[in-house]
Protein backbone atom coordinates (compact mmCIF):
# COMPACT_ATOMS: atom_id res chain seq x y z
CA MET A 1 85.36 75.27 112.28
CA THR A 2 87.31 75.23 115.54
CA GLN A 3 89.16 78.28 116.84
CA SER A 4 92.52 76.60 116.15
CA GLN A 5 91.59 75.94 112.54
CA ARG A 6 90.29 79.50 112.17
CA THR A 7 93.56 80.91 113.54
CA THR A 8 95.62 78.76 111.17
CA LEU A 9 93.49 79.83 108.22
CA LEU A 10 93.82 83.52 109.11
CA PHE A 11 97.62 83.36 109.37
CA ALA A 12 97.79 81.37 106.12
CA GLY A 13 95.73 84.06 104.43
CA MET A 14 98.09 86.73 105.74
CA ALA A 15 101.07 84.79 104.37
CA ALA A 16 99.28 84.53 101.02
CA LEU A 17 98.80 88.31 100.92
CA LEU A 18 102.51 88.87 101.54
CA ALA A 19 103.35 86.34 98.84
CA PHE A 20 100.97 88.15 96.49
CA VAL A 21 102.91 91.38 97.08
CA GLY A 22 106.15 89.51 96.44
CA PHE A 23 105.00 88.24 93.06
CA GLY A 24 103.28 91.49 92.10
CA GLN A 25 105.56 94.23 93.45
CA GLY A 26 108.80 92.37 94.10
CA TRP A 27 110.21 90.36 96.98
CA ASP A 28 112.25 93.32 98.12
CA VAL A 29 109.01 95.22 98.84
CA ALA A 30 107.35 92.17 100.39
CA LEU A 31 110.23 91.53 102.81
CA LEU A 32 110.37 95.18 103.88
CA LEU A 33 106.64 94.98 104.52
CA LEU A 34 107.15 91.76 106.48
CA ASN A 35 109.76 93.36 108.72
CA MET A 36 107.51 96.31 109.47
CA CYS A 37 104.61 93.92 110.18
CA ILE A 38 106.75 92.05 112.72
CA ILE A 39 107.71 95.25 114.53
CA SER A 40 104.09 96.39 114.53
CA ALA A 41 103.02 93.02 115.94
CA ILE A 42 105.48 93.40 118.84
CA MET A 43 104.11 96.88 119.59
CA ALA A 44 100.58 95.45 119.50
CA LEU A 45 101.64 92.76 121.97
CA GLY A 46 102.86 95.45 124.35
CA VAL A 47 99.56 97.34 124.21
CA ASN A 48 97.65 94.05 124.52
CA ILE A 49 99.52 93.29 127.75
CA GLN A 50 98.26 96.58 129.19
CA TRP A 51 94.71 96.56 127.83
CA GLY A 52 93.93 92.91 127.16
CA TYR A 53 95.40 91.63 130.44
CA ALA A 54 94.56 94.42 132.87
CA GLY A 55 92.15 96.79 131.12
CA LEU A 56 94.54 99.77 131.30
CA PHE A 57 93.45 102.37 128.74
CA SER A 58 96.87 103.87 128.04
CA ILE A 59 97.53 105.76 124.83
CA GLY A 60 101.14 106.65 125.54
CA SER A 61 102.76 104.03 123.32
CA MET A 62 104.21 106.76 121.07
CA GLY A 63 106.44 108.05 123.86
CA PHE A 64 107.70 104.59 124.80
CA ALA A 65 108.47 103.77 121.16
CA ALA A 66 110.40 107.04 120.92
CA LEU A 67 112.43 106.11 124.00
CA GLY A 68 113.27 102.81 122.31
CA GLY A 69 114.46 104.74 119.28
CA LEU A 70 116.54 107.00 121.53
CA ALA A 71 118.21 103.90 122.94
CA GLY A 72 119.45 103.09 119.43
CA VAL A 73 121.22 106.45 119.33
CA ILE A 74 122.66 106.26 122.84
CA VAL A 75 124.00 102.73 122.38
CA SER A 76 125.21 102.63 118.78
CA ALA A 77 126.05 106.16 117.59
CA LYS A 78 129.71 107.07 117.67
CA PRO A 79 130.68 109.52 120.44
CA VAL A 80 131.60 113.07 119.46
CA PRO A 81 134.89 113.81 121.28
CA GLY A 82 134.71 117.55 120.71
CA ALA A 83 131.23 117.74 122.20
CA TRP A 84 132.27 115.77 125.28
CA GLN A 85 135.23 118.08 125.79
CA ALA A 86 133.05 121.16 125.35
CA GLY A 87 130.29 120.28 127.78
CA GLY A 88 130.24 116.63 128.75
CA LEU A 89 131.10 117.22 132.39
CA GLY A 90 128.45 119.91 132.69
CA VAL A 91 125.74 117.61 131.36
CA ILE A 92 126.80 114.78 133.68
CA GLY A 93 126.86 117.17 136.63
CA GLY A 94 123.39 118.46 135.74
CA LEU A 95 121.98 114.93 135.47
CA ILE A 96 123.50 113.96 138.83
CA THR A 97 121.99 117.10 140.36
CA ALA A 98 118.58 116.16 138.96
CA ILE A 99 118.80 112.64 140.41
CA VAL A 100 119.88 113.94 143.82
CA THR A 101 117.04 116.47 143.75
CA ILE A 102 114.48 113.76 143.02
CA VAL A 103 115.81 111.53 145.80
CA LEU A 104 115.84 114.37 148.33
CA GLY A 105 112.38 115.50 147.28
CA VAL A 106 110.93 112.02 147.72
CA MET A 107 112.63 111.59 151.10
CA ALA A 108 111.38 114.96 152.30
CA TRP A 109 107.84 114.20 151.19
CA ARG A 110 107.80 110.83 152.95
CA ARG A 111 109.58 111.72 156.18
CA LEU A 112 108.21 115.18 156.93
CA ALA A 113 104.53 114.27 157.02
CA HIS A 114 104.39 115.35 160.68
CA LEU A 115 105.09 118.95 159.65
CA GLY A 116 101.72 119.27 157.94
CA ARG A 117 101.59 121.98 155.28
CA TRP A 118 105.26 122.83 155.79
CA ARG A 119 106.03 119.58 154.01
CA TYR A 120 104.71 121.06 150.74
CA TRP A 121 106.87 124.16 151.06
CA LEU A 122 110.04 122.27 151.97
CA THR A 123 109.59 119.78 149.12
CA ALA A 124 108.95 122.63 146.68
CA LEU A 125 112.05 124.45 147.93
CA ILE A 126 114.21 121.36 147.37
CA ILE A 127 112.87 121.00 143.83
CA LEU A 128 113.38 124.69 143.06
CA VAL A 129 116.96 124.74 144.33
CA GLY A 130 117.77 121.51 142.50
CA PHE A 131 116.28 122.82 139.26
CA ILE A 132 118.29 126.04 139.46
CA GLY A 133 121.47 124.06 140.14
CA MET A 134 120.78 121.68 137.27
CA ARG A 135 120.14 124.50 134.79
CA SER A 136 123.22 126.42 135.92
CA LEU A 137 125.34 123.35 135.09
CA MET A 138 123.57 122.10 131.98
CA GLY A 139 122.65 125.41 130.31
CA PRO A 140 126.17 126.57 129.34
CA ALA A 141 127.26 122.96 128.67
CA ILE A 142 124.39 122.33 126.25
CA ALA A 143 125.07 125.62 124.41
CA ALA A 144 128.74 124.63 123.99
CA ILE A 145 127.86 121.12 122.80
CA GLU A 146 125.41 122.32 120.16
CA LYS A 147 128.04 124.67 118.72
CA VAL A 148 130.44 121.80 117.94
CA ASP A 149 130.15 121.27 114.17
CA PRO A 150 126.33 121.69 114.20
CA ALA A 151 125.95 120.67 110.54
CA ALA A 152 127.36 117.18 111.15
CA ALA A 153 127.26 116.72 114.92
CA GLY A 154 126.07 119.19 117.54
CA TYR A 155 125.35 116.45 120.06
CA LEU A 156 127.21 114.11 122.40
CA GLY A 157 126.73 111.00 120.29
CA GLY A 158 126.49 107.52 121.75
CA MET A 159 128.68 104.73 123.03
CA GLY A 160 129.58 103.14 119.69
CA LEU A 161 128.37 99.66 120.73
CA PRO A 162 126.53 97.11 118.55
CA ILE A 163 123.03 98.41 117.90
CA ILE A 164 121.40 95.10 118.76
CA LEU A 165 122.19 95.89 122.41
CA SER A 166 119.87 98.88 122.14
CA TRP A 167 116.85 96.58 121.98
CA GLY A 168 117.28 95.64 125.62
CA VAL A 169 118.26 99.19 126.59
CA GLY A 170 115.15 100.50 124.83
CA GLY A 171 113.01 98.19 126.91
CA ILE A 172 114.76 99.35 130.10
CA LEU A 173 114.34 103.06 129.25
CA ALA A 174 110.66 102.57 128.44
CA ALA A 175 110.14 100.55 131.62
CA ALA A 176 111.82 103.24 133.73
CA ALA A 177 109.68 105.96 132.16
CA ALA A 178 106.58 103.78 132.64
CA TRP A 179 107.39 103.45 136.34
CA VAL A 180 107.46 107.24 136.72
CA VAL A 181 104.33 107.71 134.58
CA GLY A 182 102.52 104.92 136.41
CA LYS A 183 103.33 106.35 139.83
CA VAL A 184 101.77 109.63 138.74
CA SER A 185 98.77 108.52 136.69
CA LEU A 186 97.67 104.97 137.54
CA GLY A 187 95.48 106.18 140.37
CA LEU A 188 93.36 108.12 137.86
CA ARG A 189 90.13 106.96 136.26
CA SER A 190 90.47 105.29 132.85
CA ASP A 191 89.62 108.37 130.74
CA TYR A 192 91.97 110.59 132.77
CA LEU A 193 94.66 107.91 132.52
CA ALA A 194 94.37 108.01 128.73
CA ILE A 195 94.71 111.81 128.66
CA ALA A 196 97.66 111.73 131.07
CA THR A 197 99.60 109.07 129.17
CA LEU A 198 99.01 110.81 125.84
CA GLY A 199 100.22 114.11 127.27
CA ILE A 200 103.32 112.55 128.79
CA SER A 201 104.17 110.79 125.52
CA GLU A 202 103.88 114.12 123.70
CA ILE A 203 106.26 115.66 126.26
CA ILE A 204 108.79 112.87 125.62
CA VAL A 205 108.66 113.41 121.86
CA PHE A 206 108.82 117.20 122.34
CA ILE A 207 112.02 116.86 124.36
CA MET A 208 113.59 114.68 121.67
CA LYS A 209 112.68 117.19 118.97
CA PHE A 210 114.27 120.18 120.66
CA GLU A 211 117.12 118.84 122.83
CA ASP A 212 119.75 118.85 120.10
CA TRP A 213 122.55 117.87 122.47
CA LEU A 214 120.84 114.52 123.00
CA THR A 215 119.27 113.57 119.64
CA ARG A 216 120.25 116.34 117.18
CA GLY A 217 116.58 117.29 117.25
CA VAL A 218 114.96 117.83 113.85
CA LYS A 219 118.34 117.39 112.13
CA ASN A 220 118.04 113.64 112.85
CA VAL A 221 120.74 111.07 113.61
CA THR A 222 121.70 109.11 110.51
CA GLY A 223 124.16 106.36 109.65
CA LEU A 224 123.47 104.15 112.64
CA PRO A 225 125.29 100.80 112.33
CA ARG A 226 123.51 97.61 111.32
CA PRO A 227 123.35 94.21 112.98
CA VAL A 228 123.32 92.63 109.50
CA PRO A 229 125.70 92.87 106.50
CA TYR A 230 125.68 95.88 104.21
CA GLU A 231 124.57 95.44 100.60
CA VAL A 232 127.77 96.98 99.24
CA ASP A 233 129.88 94.46 101.16
CA LEU A 234 127.86 91.55 99.80
CA ILE A 235 127.99 92.88 96.25
CA ALA A 236 131.78 93.27 96.49
CA SER A 237 132.19 89.63 97.54
CA PRO A 238 133.12 87.34 94.60
CA ALA A 239 131.58 84.35 96.39
CA PHE A 240 128.26 86.18 96.77
CA GLN A 241 128.35 87.25 93.13
CA ASP A 242 128.86 83.65 92.05
CA TRP A 243 126.00 82.51 94.29
CA ALA A 244 123.67 85.19 92.91
CA THR A 245 124.54 84.15 89.36
CA SER A 246 123.92 80.48 90.20
CA ILE A 247 120.34 81.21 91.29
CA GLY A 248 119.64 83.31 88.20
CA THR A 249 119.68 86.86 89.58
CA ASN A 250 122.07 89.78 89.84
CA ALA A 251 124.14 90.52 92.93
CA THR A 252 122.45 93.86 93.64
CA ALA A 253 118.93 92.44 93.87
CA ALA A 254 120.11 89.37 95.78
CA ALA A 255 122.01 91.50 98.31
CA SER A 256 118.95 93.59 99.12
CA ILE A 257 116.82 90.48 99.64
CA VAL A 258 119.45 88.73 101.78
CA VAL A 259 119.80 91.77 104.05
CA LYS A 260 116.05 91.99 104.56
CA LEU A 261 115.90 88.24 105.24
CA CYS A 262 118.56 88.70 107.93
CA TYR A 263 116.47 91.44 109.51
CA ALA A 264 113.39 89.23 109.29
CA GLY A 265 115.23 86.42 111.08
CA LEU A 266 116.33 88.67 113.96
CA PHE A 267 112.92 90.34 114.30
CA SER A 268 111.10 87.01 114.12
CA ALA A 269 113.24 85.62 116.93
CA VAL A 270 112.27 88.57 119.15
CA LEU A 271 108.60 88.23 118.19
CA VAL A 272 108.55 84.52 119.02
CA LEU A 273 110.30 85.14 122.35
CA VAL A 274 107.93 87.95 123.37
CA LEU A 275 104.92 85.93 122.23
CA TYR A 276 106.06 82.87 124.18
CA LEU A 277 106.70 84.84 127.38
CA SER A 278 103.37 86.64 126.97
CA GLU A 279 101.51 83.35 126.64
CA VAL A 280 103.30 81.85 129.65
CA ALA A 281 102.39 84.92 131.71
CA LEU A 282 98.78 84.88 130.52
CA ARG A 283 98.28 81.20 131.42
CA SER A 284 99.99 81.53 134.82
CA PRO A 285 98.32 82.36 138.15
CA TRP A 286 99.60 85.91 137.64
CA GLY A 287 97.70 86.11 134.34
CA ARG A 288 94.51 84.82 135.94
CA MET A 289 94.90 87.42 138.68
CA MET A 290 95.34 90.21 136.12
CA ARG A 291 92.20 89.14 134.24
CA ALA A 292 90.30 89.03 137.52
CA ILE A 293 91.41 92.59 138.29
CA ARG A 294 90.43 93.65 134.77
CA ASP A 295 86.95 92.15 135.05
CA ASN A 296 86.16 93.39 138.57
CA GLU A 297 88.62 95.58 140.45
CA ALA A 298 86.44 95.84 143.53
CA ALA A 299 86.12 92.07 143.90
CA ALA A 300 89.87 91.58 143.37
CA ALA A 301 90.66 94.23 145.98
CA ALA A 302 88.26 92.55 148.40
CA MET A 303 90.25 89.32 147.92
CA GLY A 304 93.40 91.12 149.12
CA LYS A 305 94.98 91.97 145.76
CA ASN A 306 96.89 95.24 145.51
CA VAL A 307 95.21 96.54 142.36
CA THR A 308 97.34 99.67 141.95
CA ALA A 309 100.61 97.74 142.34
CA ARG A 310 99.51 95.11 139.83
CA HIS A 311 98.44 97.82 137.38
CA LEU A 312 101.86 99.43 137.70
CA GLN A 313 103.51 96.08 137.10
CA VAL A 314 101.61 95.29 133.92
CA PHE A 315 101.97 98.89 132.70
CA ILE A 316 105.75 98.63 133.00
CA LEU A 317 105.85 95.26 131.21
CA GLY A 318 103.74 96.44 128.28
CA SER A 319 105.71 99.67 127.92
CA ALA A 320 109.01 97.73 127.92
CA VAL A 321 107.77 95.61 125.00
CA VAL A 322 106.82 98.76 123.07
CA GLY A 323 110.28 100.21 123.84
CA ILE A 324 111.96 97.11 122.43
CA ALA A 325 109.92 97.44 119.24
CA GLY A 326 110.85 101.13 119.01
CA ALA A 327 114.55 100.26 119.16
CA MET A 328 114.03 97.61 116.47
CA LEU A 329 112.34 100.17 114.22
CA THR A 330 115.30 102.55 114.54
CA THR A 331 117.60 99.63 113.75
CA LEU A 332 115.69 98.85 110.57
CA ASP A 333 115.60 102.51 109.47
CA GLY A 334 119.26 103.10 110.26
CA GLN A 335 118.38 106.56 111.59
CA PHE A 336 116.51 108.30 114.39
CA THR A 337 113.91 110.85 113.29
CA PRO A 338 112.06 112.48 116.22
CA THR A 339 109.52 114.18 113.94
CA SER A 340 108.31 110.79 112.66
CA TYR A 341 106.69 109.93 115.99
CA GLN A 342 103.07 110.82 115.36
CA PRO A 343 99.98 109.71 117.33
CA LEU A 344 98.35 108.35 114.17
CA ARG A 345 101.15 105.86 113.57
CA PHE A 346 102.25 105.00 117.09
CA THR A 347 98.98 105.24 119.00
CA PHE A 348 95.88 104.97 116.83
CA LEU A 349 97.16 102.25 114.50
CA ILE A 350 98.53 100.17 117.36
CA TRP A 351 95.18 100.29 119.12
CA VAL A 352 93.38 99.32 115.91
CA MET A 353 95.74 96.34 115.63
CA VAL A 354 94.78 95.15 119.10
CA ILE A 355 91.05 95.73 118.60
CA ILE A 356 90.85 94.03 115.20
CA GLY A 357 93.17 91.17 116.16
CA GLY A 358 91.33 90.38 119.38
CA SER A 359 91.88 92.09 122.72
CA GLY A 360 93.24 89.73 125.36
CA ASN A 361 94.57 87.21 122.81
CA ASN A 362 98.29 87.36 122.04
CA LEU A 363 97.97 85.61 118.69
CA GLY A 364 95.19 88.03 117.85
CA ALA A 365 97.47 91.00 118.61
CA VAL A 366 100.13 89.54 116.31
CA LEU A 367 97.63 88.94 113.52
CA GLY A 368 96.22 92.44 113.98
CA GLY A 369 99.72 93.90 113.67
CA PHE A 370 100.24 92.12 110.37
CA VAL A 371 96.79 92.86 108.92
CA ILE A 372 96.63 96.54 109.79
CA TRP A 373 100.17 97.41 108.71
CA PHE A 374 99.72 95.45 105.48
CA PHE A 375 96.59 97.35 104.49
CA TRP A 376 97.98 100.64 105.78
CA ILE A 377 100.86 100.35 103.30
CA GLU A 378 99.11 98.59 100.42
CA ALA A 379 95.93 100.72 100.50
CA GLU A 380 97.63 103.51 98.54
CA PRO A 381 98.93 101.46 95.55
CA LEU A 382 95.72 99.40 95.47
CA GLY A 383 93.66 102.59 95.67
CA LEU A 384 95.66 104.16 92.86
CA TRP A 385 95.10 101.06 90.72
CA ALA A 386 91.36 101.11 91.46
CA ILE A 387 91.03 104.82 90.68
CA ASN A 388 92.93 104.36 87.42
CA LEU A 389 90.56 101.55 86.52
CA ILE A 390 87.43 103.51 87.42
CA THR A 391 88.54 106.68 85.60
CA SER A 392 89.98 104.92 82.56
CA GLY A 393 87.05 106.16 80.44
CA MET A 394 87.57 109.83 81.38
CA ALA A 395 89.65 112.31 79.46
CA GLU A 396 93.29 112.62 80.47
CA ASP A 397 92.83 116.29 81.43
CA SER A 398 89.61 115.71 83.38
CA ALA A 399 89.62 117.72 86.62
CA LEU A 400 87.69 114.99 88.42
CA ARG A 401 90.16 112.31 87.33
CA GLU A 402 93.16 114.38 88.42
CA HIS A 403 91.52 115.08 91.78
CA LEU A 404 90.81 111.40 92.39
CA LEU A 405 94.35 110.39 91.43
CA ASP A 406 95.82 113.05 93.72
CA SER A 407 93.64 111.75 96.56
CA ALA A 408 94.87 108.15 96.28
CA ALA A 409 97.14 108.63 99.30
CA TYR A 410 94.08 109.13 101.50
CA MET A 411 92.71 105.73 100.58
CA ARG A 412 94.57 104.27 103.56
CA LEU A 413 92.45 106.33 105.96
CA LEU A 414 89.26 105.18 104.24
CA THR A 415 90.53 101.60 104.22
CA MET A 416 91.26 101.64 107.96
CA GLY A 417 87.79 102.96 108.69
CA ILE A 418 86.05 100.38 106.52
CA LEU A 419 88.20 97.55 107.87
CA LEU A 420 87.50 98.53 111.47
CA LEU A 421 83.76 98.78 110.86
CA VAL A 422 83.53 95.46 109.02
CA VAL A 423 85.50 93.54 111.65
CA LEU A 424 83.57 95.07 114.56
CA ARG A 425 80.29 94.25 112.78
CA PHE A 426 81.00 90.61 112.04
CA ALA A 427 83.64 89.82 114.69
CA PRO A 428 83.05 92.25 117.59
CA ARG A 429 85.60 90.43 119.79
CA GLY A 430 88.27 90.54 117.07
CA LEU A 431 89.52 88.12 114.44
CA ILE A 432 90.93 85.82 117.12
CA PRO A 433 88.87 86.48 120.26
CA GLU A 434 90.11 85.91 123.79
CA VAL A 435 89.81 82.35 125.01
CA LYS A 436 88.03 82.03 128.35
CA ARG A 437 89.99 79.49 130.39
């Protein structure tokens, strides 16, 4: 069997699994699962760009996904006029002060090298003065903003624009953060790079949890607008009701399916675009250069390649893709929940997707995104069914039976472990391994 035939067969099998869920649990569930698989596949593509192309061991995808989610709030949430009146100018002044401080600090560091150790003290003094000025402006402003109707608002809100614009903004925010992170950490060894990126991603999520003026913190931002129709609007349409009746279903069920199909169409378009651009980049001279750097940094540097600059470039690109996927996830949820960003979901699972799919192969990353998210979600209902079957001969009040049924939720962790072990045993390079060109 050729690699092309194997790839086609694997994707056909994945489609069959989704169809099986549709027939067994309902098409509403299957389409929601499909949408989440598409978003996961885009995140896996972003990590694959960093690891599969350049060998960058970064585990900071959680922070970049959170920045993408923040973009959904900044772009689409309605502004809170009272909050802007209470402290908007103070926040803007504080942010401008922070930017000026950064610029002055960088200029001082670069241009005062002839002063020797005095350069450290002068740069530190600029940062200290700028920080004090920023806090003096933002501190009272933030306190005033968070007092404005804290039960329903308590934050500045957003710009009230279509949420689909946040996908691009999410990529830009993640890319900007990646530039800063990369400047700080890309000179480190691979294990230190992993620790640094994980720590920085935790800092990003921490800020979003506790800066209520920006994201409402743990109170969450709900009711974000949709790029697709609302179910209630479809149900209220006589034409849609007639169409639903003509295909033998009720308007409520049809509306839910149509909305999810609209999401699937938008998400699929983004996935195809990112996949196409990733493949073009991988097959280009730039892609060959990145693989050469990945395989032997010393040899690439000896050939005149700026390894650190190229690492920064690919790190920014991969992070931008993860940011886009994070904005898409917030769009699908219709809300921004900072506490939902956990390393297990946004770091470990994404890496498992890349490893199982096939590191260095874009189609493999997409397949890995579908396979892992599918089994992550379906492991619990399948585990519950299996436990019910196994314990069917036990008494209803059996302590062992109750314990096993209560533990069904943990079947997903066991499933991920078994799946990872099996694939690495029989396909150590992934389901769709990298093609050596």
